[in-house]
C-alpha atoms as a PDB file:
ATOM      1  CA  MET A   1       1.079  -4.788  48.255  1.00  0.00           C
ATOM      2  CA  ALA A   2      -2.498  -3.620  48.891  1.00  0.00           C
ATOM      3  CA  THR A   3      -3.706  -6.947  50.321  1.00  0.00           C
ATOM      4  CA  LEU A   4      -0.368  -7.714  51.961  1.00  0.00           C
ATOM      5  CA  GLU A   5      -0.331  -4.325  53.674  1.00  0.00           C
ATOM      6  CA  GLN A   6      -3.601  -5.054  55.460  1.00  0.00           C
ATOM      7  CA  GLU A   7      -2.612  -8.637  56.323  1.00  0.00           C
ATOM      8  CA  LEU A   8       0.635  -7.464  57.914  1.00  0.00           C
ATOM      9  CA  ASN A   9      -1.069  -4.629  59.790  1.00  0.00           C
ATOM     10  CA  VAL A  10      -3.572  -7.084  61.274  1.00  0.00           C
ATOM     11  CA  ALA A  11      -0.830  -9.545  62.248  1.00  0.00           C
ATOM     12  CA  ASP A  12       1.195  -6.736  63.822  1.00  0.00           C
ATOM     13  CA  SER A  13      -1.806  -5.293  65.668  1.00  0.00           C
ATOM     14  CA  ARG A  14      -2.078  -8.543  67.637  1.00  0.00           C
ATOM     15  CA  LEU A  15       1.424  -8.156  69.058  1.00  0.00           C
ATOM     16  CA  GLY A  16       2.625  -4.638  68.284  1.00  0.00           C
ATOM     17  CA  ASP A  17       1.531  -1.299  67.003  1.00  0.00           C
ATOM     18  CA  GLY A  18      -0.104  -2.528  63.807  1.00  0.00           C
ATOM     19  CA  ASP A  19       2.027  -0.696  61.289  1.00  0.00           C
ATOM     20  CA  THR A  20       4.216  -3.357  59.649  1.00  0.00           C
ATOM     21  CA  GLY A  21       2.159  -3.321  56.450  1.00  0.00           C
ATOM     22  CA  VAL A  22       2.095   0.458  56.224  1.00  0.00           C
ATOM     23  CA  MET A  23       5.846   0.602  56.820  1.00  0.00           C
ATOM     24  CA  LEU A  24       6.593  -2.035  54.198  1.00  0.00           C
ATOM     25  CA  ALA A  25       4.322  -0.322  51.669  1.00  0.00           C
ATOM     26  CA  ARG A  26       6.205   2.965  52.198  1.00  0.00           C
ATOM     27  CA  VAL A  27       9.523   1.178  51.739  1.00  0.00           C
ATOM     28  CA  ILE A  28       8.421  -0.579  48.559  1.00  0.00           C
ATOM     29  CA  ASP A  29       6.973   2.665  47.183  1.00  0.00           C
ATOM     30  CA  ALA A  30      10.286   4.405  47.860  1.00  0.00           C
ATOM     31  CA  MET A  31      12.166   1.613  46.102  1.00  0.00           C
ATOM     32  CA  ALA A  32       9.791   1.752  43.138  1.00  0.00           C
ATOM     33  CA  GLY A  33      10.890   5.325  42.478  1.00  0.00           C
ATOM     34  CA  ILE A  34      14.538   4.367  41.936  1.00  0.00           C
ATOM     35  CA  ASP A  35      15.994   4.578  38.443  1.00  0.00           C
ATOM     36  CA  TYR A  36      17.816   1.255  38.561  1.00  0.00           C
ATOM     37  CA  ALA A  37      19.159   1.612  35.022  1.00  0.00           C
ATOM     38  CA  ALA A  38      21.102   4.672  36.145  1.00  0.00           C
ATOM     39  CA  GLN A  39      22.984   2.712  38.808  1.00  0.00           C
ATOM     40  CA  PRO A  40      26.511   1.632  37.897  1.00  0.00           C
ATOM     41  CA  ASP A  41      26.167  -1.852  39.411  1.00  0.00           C
ATOM     42  CA  ILE A  42      23.976  -4.075  41.593  1.00  0.00           C
ATOM     43  CA  GLY A  43      25.860  -3.038  44.725  1.00  0.00           C
ATOM     44  CA  ALA A  44      25.109   0.626  44.084  1.00  0.00           C
ATOM     45  CA  ALA A  45      21.446  -0.165  43.423  1.00  0.00           C
ATOM     46  CA  LEU A  46      21.140  -2.102  46.686  1.00  0.00           C
ATOM     47  CA  SER A  47      22.890   0.655  48.617  1.00  0.00           C
ATOM     48  CA  LEU A  48      20.483   3.211  47.153  1.00  0.00           C
ATOM     49  CA  MET A  49      17.584   0.950  48.141  1.00  0.00           C
ATOM     50  CA  ALA A  50      18.978   0.954  51.698  1.00  0.00           C
ATOM     51  CA  ARG A  51      19.096   4.752  51.760  1.00  0.00           C
ATOM     52  CA  LYS A  52      15.552   5.018  50.386  1.00  0.00           C
ATOM     53  CA  THR A  53      14.381   2.535  53.031  1.00  0.00           C
ATOM     54  CA  ALA A  54      15.992   4.542  55.829  1.00  0.00           C
ATOM     55  CA  THR A  55      14.335   7.691  54.518  1.00  0.00           C
ATOM     56  CA  ALA A  56      10.920   6.037  54.179  1.00  0.00           C
ATOM     57  CA  THR A  57      10.727   4.707  57.722  1.00  0.00           C
ATOM     58  CA  GLY A  58      12.359   4.884  61.114  1.00  0.00           C
ATOM     59  CA  SER A  59      10.819   1.641  62.352  1.00  0.00           C
ATOM     60  CA  SER A  60      12.985  -1.087  63.828  1.00  0.00           C
ATOM     61  CA  LEU A  61      12.096  -3.512  61.023  1.00  0.00           C
ATOM     62  CA  GLY A  62      12.755  -0.807  58.442  1.00  0.00           C
ATOM     63  CA  THR A  63      16.167  -0.210  59.989  1.00  0.00           C
ATOM     64  CA  LEU A  64      16.913  -3.925  59.723  1.00  0.00           C
ATOM     65  CA  ILE A  65      15.788  -3.973  56.086  1.00  0.00           C
ATOM     66  CA  ALA A  66      18.099  -1.048  55.343  1.00  0.00           C
ATOM     67  CA  THR A  67      20.919  -2.846  57.179  1.00  0.00           C
ATOM     68  CA  GLY A  68      20.366  -5.963  55.087  1.00  0.00           C
ATOM     69  CA  LEU A  69      20.298  -4.065  51.809  1.00  0.00           C
ATOM     70  CA  LEU A  70      23.423  -2.121  52.702  1.00  0.00           C
ATOM     71  CA  THR A  71      25.200  -5.346  53.685  1.00  0.00           C
ATOM     72  CA  VAL A  72      24.536  -6.984  50.330  1.00  0.00           C
ATOM     73  CA  GLY A  73      25.219  -3.700  48.537  1.00  0.00           C
ATOM     74  CA  LYS A  74      28.717  -3.608  50.005  1.00  0.00           C
ATOM     75  CA  ARG A  75      29.315  -7.282  49.211  1.00  0.00           C
ATOM     76  CA  ALA A  76      28.164  -6.829  45.603  1.00  0.00           C
ATOM     77  CA  LYS A  77      29.907  -3.515  44.960  1.00  0.00           C
ATOM     78  CA  GLY A  78      31.154  -3.354  41.386  1.00  0.00           C
ATOM     79  CA  GLU A  79      29.241  -6.461  40.302  1.00  0.00           C
ATOM     80  CA  PRO A  80      26.777  -6.292  37.395  1.00  0.00           C
ATOM     81  CA  SER A  81      24.478  -8.861  39.033  1.00  0.00           C
ATOM     82  CA  ILE A  82      24.264 -11.489  41.761  1.00  0.00           C
ATOM     83  CA  ALA A  83      24.402 -15.140  40.764  1.00  0.00           C
ATOM     84  CA  TYR A  84      21.749 -17.452  42.172  1.00  0.00           C
ATOM     85  CA  ALA A  85      24.514 -19.588  43.706  1.00  0.00           C
ATOM     86  CA  ASP A  86      25.674 -16.577  45.756  1.00  0.00           C
ATOM     87  CA  LEU A  87      22.281 -15.611  47.187  1.00  0.00           C
ATOM     88  CA  GLY A  88      22.483 -17.926  50.206  1.00  0.00           C
ATOM     89  CA  ALA A  89      25.806 -16.468  51.325  1.00  0.00           C
ATOM     90  CA  HIS A  90      24.482 -12.935  50.899  1.00  0.00           C
ATOM     91  CA  VAL A  91      21.377 -13.695  52.967  1.00  0.00           C
ATOM     92  CA  ALA A  92      23.567 -15.328  55.645  1.00  0.00           C
ATOM     93  CA  ALA A  93      25.604 -12.106  55.801  1.00  0.00           C
ATOM     94  CA  VAL A  94      22.347 -10.169  56.167  1.00  0.00           C
ATOM     95  CA  VAL A  95      21.352 -12.332  59.146  1.00  0.00           C
ATOM     96  CA  GLU A  96      24.691 -11.620  60.821  1.00  0.00           C
ATOM     97  CA  ALA A  97      24.460  -7.864  60.191  1.00  0.00           C
ATOM     98  CA  MET A  98      20.840  -7.666  61.338  1.00  0.00           C
ATOM     99  CA  ALA A  99      21.623  -9.607  64.517  1.00  0.00           C
ATOM    100  CA  ALA A 100      24.474  -7.227  65.306  1.00  0.00           C
ATOM    101  CA  ARG A 101      22.299  -4.182  64.620  1.00  0.00           C
ATOM    102  CA  GLY A 102      19.086  -5.292  66.325  1.00  0.00           C
ATOM    103  CA  GLY A 103      20.359  -7.457  69.162  1.00  0.00           C
ATOM    104  CA  ALA A 104      18.141 -10.453  68.405  1.00  0.00           C
ATOM    105  CA  THR A 105      19.479 -13.983  68.210  1.00  0.00           C
ATOM    106  CA  LEU A 106      18.340 -17.025  66.302  1.00  0.00           C
ATOM    107  CA  GLY A 107      15.409 -18.639  68.070  1.00  0.00           C
ATOM    108  CA  ASP A 108      13.879 -15.356  69.285  1.00  0.00           C
ATOM    109  CA  LYS A 109      11.038 -15.660  66.721  1.00  0.00           C
ATOM    110  CA  THR A 110      12.072 -12.769  64.518  1.00  0.00           C
ATOM    111  CA  VAL A 111      12.859 -12.024  60.907  1.00  0.00           C
ATOM    112  CA  LEU A 112      16.345 -13.444  61.612  1.00  0.00           C
ATOM    113  CA  ASP A 113      14.948 -16.951  61.962  1.00  0.00           C
ATOM    114  CA  ILE A 114      13.211 -16.993  58.602  1.00  0.00           C
ATOM    115  CA  LEU A 115      16.144 -15.325  56.837  1.00  0.00           C
ATOM    116  CA  ASP A 116      18.535 -17.874  58.356  1.00  0.00           C
ATOM    117  CA  ALA A 117      16.358 -20.729  57.099  1.00  0.00           C
ATOM    118  CA  LEU A 118      16.156 -19.036  53.707  1.00  0.00           C
ATOM    119  CA  ALA A 119      19.952 -18.672  53.520  1.00  0.00           C
ATOM    120  CA  ARG A 120      20.497 -22.315  54.396  1.00  0.00           C
ATOM    121  CA  GLY A 121      17.734 -23.496  52.064  1.00  0.00           C
ATOM    122  CA  ILE A 122      19.070 -21.771  48.958  1.00  0.00           C
ATOM    123  CA  ALA A 123      22.795 -22.094  49.683  1.00  0.00           C
ATOM    124  CA  GLY A 124      24.698 -23.039  46.562  1.00  0.00           C
ATOM    125  CA  LEU A 125      21.662 -23.514  44.331  1.00  0.00           C
ATOM    126  CA  SER A 126      22.353 -22.144  40.872  1.00  0.00           C
ATOM    127  CA  ASP A 127      19.048 -22.631  39.063  1.00  0.00           C
ATOM    128  CA  GLY A 128      16.361 -19.966  39.422  1.00  0.00           C
ATOM    129  CA  LYS A 129      13.499 -22.454  39.701  1.00  0.00           C
ATOM    130  CA  ALA A 130      15.375 -24.489  42.303  1.00  0.00           C
ATOM    131  CA  VAL A 131      16.104 -21.326  44.298  1.00  0.00           C
ATOM    132  CA  ALA A 132      12.444 -20.253  44.132  1.00  0.00           C
ATOM    133  CA  SER A 133      11.226 -23.660  45.258  1.00  0.00           C
ATOM    134  CA  ALA A 134      13.767 -23.997  48.070  1.00  0.00           C
ATOM    135  CA  ALA A 135      13.129 -20.428  49.243  1.00  0.00           C
ATOM    136  CA  THR A 136       9.388 -21.006  49.359  1.00  0.00           C
ATOM    137  CA  ASP A 137       9.799 -24.289  51.228  1.00  0.00           C
ATOM    138  CA  ALA A 138      12.250 -22.807  53.738  1.00  0.00           C
ATOM    139  CA  CYS A 139       9.995 -19.858  54.496  1.00  0.00           C
ATOM    140  CA  ARG A 140       6.804 -21.897  54.722  1.00  0.00           C
ATOM    141  CA  THR A 141       8.398 -24.469  57.030  1.00  0.00           C
ATOM    142  CA  THR A 142      10.035 -21.886  59.275  1.00  0.00           C
ATOM    143  CA  LEU A 143       6.911 -19.774  59.613  1.00  0.00           C
ATOM    144  CA  ALA A 144       4.929 -22.867  60.664  1.00  0.00           C
ATOM    145  CA  GLU A 145       7.680 -24.037  63.044  1.00  0.00           C
ATOM    146  CA  PHE A 146       7.939 -20.714  64.862  1.00  0.00           C
ATOM    147  CA  ARG A 147       4.204 -20.058  64.982  1.00  0.00           C
ATOM    148  CA  GLU A 148       3.924 -22.214  68.106  1.00  0.00           C
ATOM    149  CA  ARG A 149       6.802 -20.496  69.899  1.00  0.00           C
ATOM    150  CA  PRO A 150       6.713 -17.346  72.025  1.00  0.00           C
ATOM    151  CA  CYS A 151       8.259 -14.088  70.857  1.00  0.00           C
ATOM    152  CA  LYS A 152      11.366 -13.363  72.911  1.00  0.00           C
ATOM    153  CA  ILE A 153      12.361  -9.868  71.800  1.00  0.00           C
ATOM    154  CA  GLY A 154      10.829  -6.594  70.709  1.00  0.00           C
ATOM    155  CA  ARG A 155       7.439  -5.278  71.688  1.00  0.00           C
ATOM    156  CA  ALA A 156       5.878  -8.727  71.258  1.00  0.00           C
ATOM    157  CA  ARG A 157       8.035 -10.141  74.075  1.00  0.00           C
ATOM    158  CA  MET A 158       5.664  -8.385  76.485  1.00  0.00           C
ATOM    159  CA  PHE A 159       2.952 -10.691  75.167  1.00  0.00           C
ATOM    160  CA  ALA A 160       5.120 -13.816  74.957  1.00  0.00           C
ATOM    161  CA  GLU A 161       2.365 -16.284  75.898  1.00  0.00           C
ATOM    162  CA  LYS A 162      -0.169 -14.499  73.694  1.00  0.00           C
ATOM    163  CA  SER A 163       2.269 -14.693  70.768  1.00  0.00           C
ATOM    164  CA  ILE A 164       2.142 -18.496  70.774  1.00  0.00           C
ATOM    165  CA  GLY A 165       0.043 -19.562  67.811  1.00  0.00           C
ATOM    166  CA  MET A 166       0.644 -16.282  65.976  1.00  0.00           C
ATOM    167  CA  ASP A 167       3.065 -15.391  63.221  1.00  0.00           C
ATOM    168  CA  ASP A 168       5.729 -12.799  63.882  1.00  0.00           C
ATOM    169  CA  PRO A 169       4.848  -9.923  61.510  1.00  0.00           C
ATOM    170  CA  GLY A 170       8.422  -9.595  60.191  1.00  0.00           C
ATOM    171  CA  MET A 171       8.633 -13.311  59.514  1.00  0.00           C
ATOM    172  CA  LEU A 172       5.234 -13.201  57.825  1.00  0.00           C
ATOM    173  CA  ALA A 173       6.382 -10.286  55.658  1.00  0.00           C
ATOM    174  CA  VAL A 174       9.461 -12.209  54.466  1.00  0.00           C
ATOM    175  CA  HIS A 175       7.329 -15.289  53.781  1.00  0.00           C
ATOM    176  CA  GLU A 176       4.800 -13.346  51.719  1.00  0.00           C
ATOM    177  CA  LEU A 177       7.441 -11.398  49.800  1.00  0.00           C
ATOM    178  CA  VAL A 178       9.324 -14.589  48.962  1.00  0.00           C
ATOM    179  CA  LEU A 179       6.064 -16.136  47.692  1.00  0.00           C
ATOM    180  CA  ALA A 180       5.425 -13.054  45.557  1.00  0.00           C
ATOM    181  CA  ILE A 181       8.950 -13.086  44.128  1.00  0.00           C
ATOM    182  CA  ALA A 182       9.059 -16.854  43.572  1.00  0.00           C
ATOM    183  CA  GLY A 183       5.741 -16.832  41.760  1.00  0.00           C
ATOM    184  CA  PRO A 184       3.024 -19.440  41.533  1.00  0.00           C
ATOM    185  CA  ALA A 185       5.292 -22.154  40.113  1.00  0.00           C
ATOM    186  CA  ALA A 186       7.361 -22.420  43.313  1.00  0.00           C
END
C-alpha cells in the first residue's frame, strides 16, 4: 500500500484533493485490524469491513466502498464463503448499489465503470486463475478505454477537458487492487 498510496494521491491531486491514497490506506489499515476468524460467516465479515470503512473515512469514495461491502455482506449473509462463479453477480449488485448511493451512471468515468467491466468479465467463471486473468484484463482494458474520456461527475467534472488523458483515481485504485489480488500470474 505504501507505493500505491502515493500513486493514488498523485493521480487524485491532478483532478481532486489528492487524498485517495491516504483514504484507501486508512481503510485497508482498519480492515487489517479485523479478527476475521471470529466472524460467523463471510457476510458478517464483509458487513464489519463496511462499518470499519465508514469509521475510517468520510470521503465519497470511502462511502461507496462501504456501500459495496455492505451490499455483498447482505447478499452473502449466513454463507461460509463466496464461490468464484458468484463473484460477478455480487460485483454487479455493488455497481447498482453504488450508483444509487452516489448518483453516478455508467459512462461518467468513475469507479462504477471499472466495476461494471469487472462484473461482466468474471461473470460465471468458476476457476480462480480464470477469474484472476479475466479480472485483470477487464480492469486494464477499461482503465485504458476511459483514460481518453472526460470525467462527468464529482470534483473532477469541473476539470472535464483536463481529465482527458488521465485516469480517474477511483478507477485506478480498483485496477491496482485487482492486480495486487490477482498476483503476477494473471
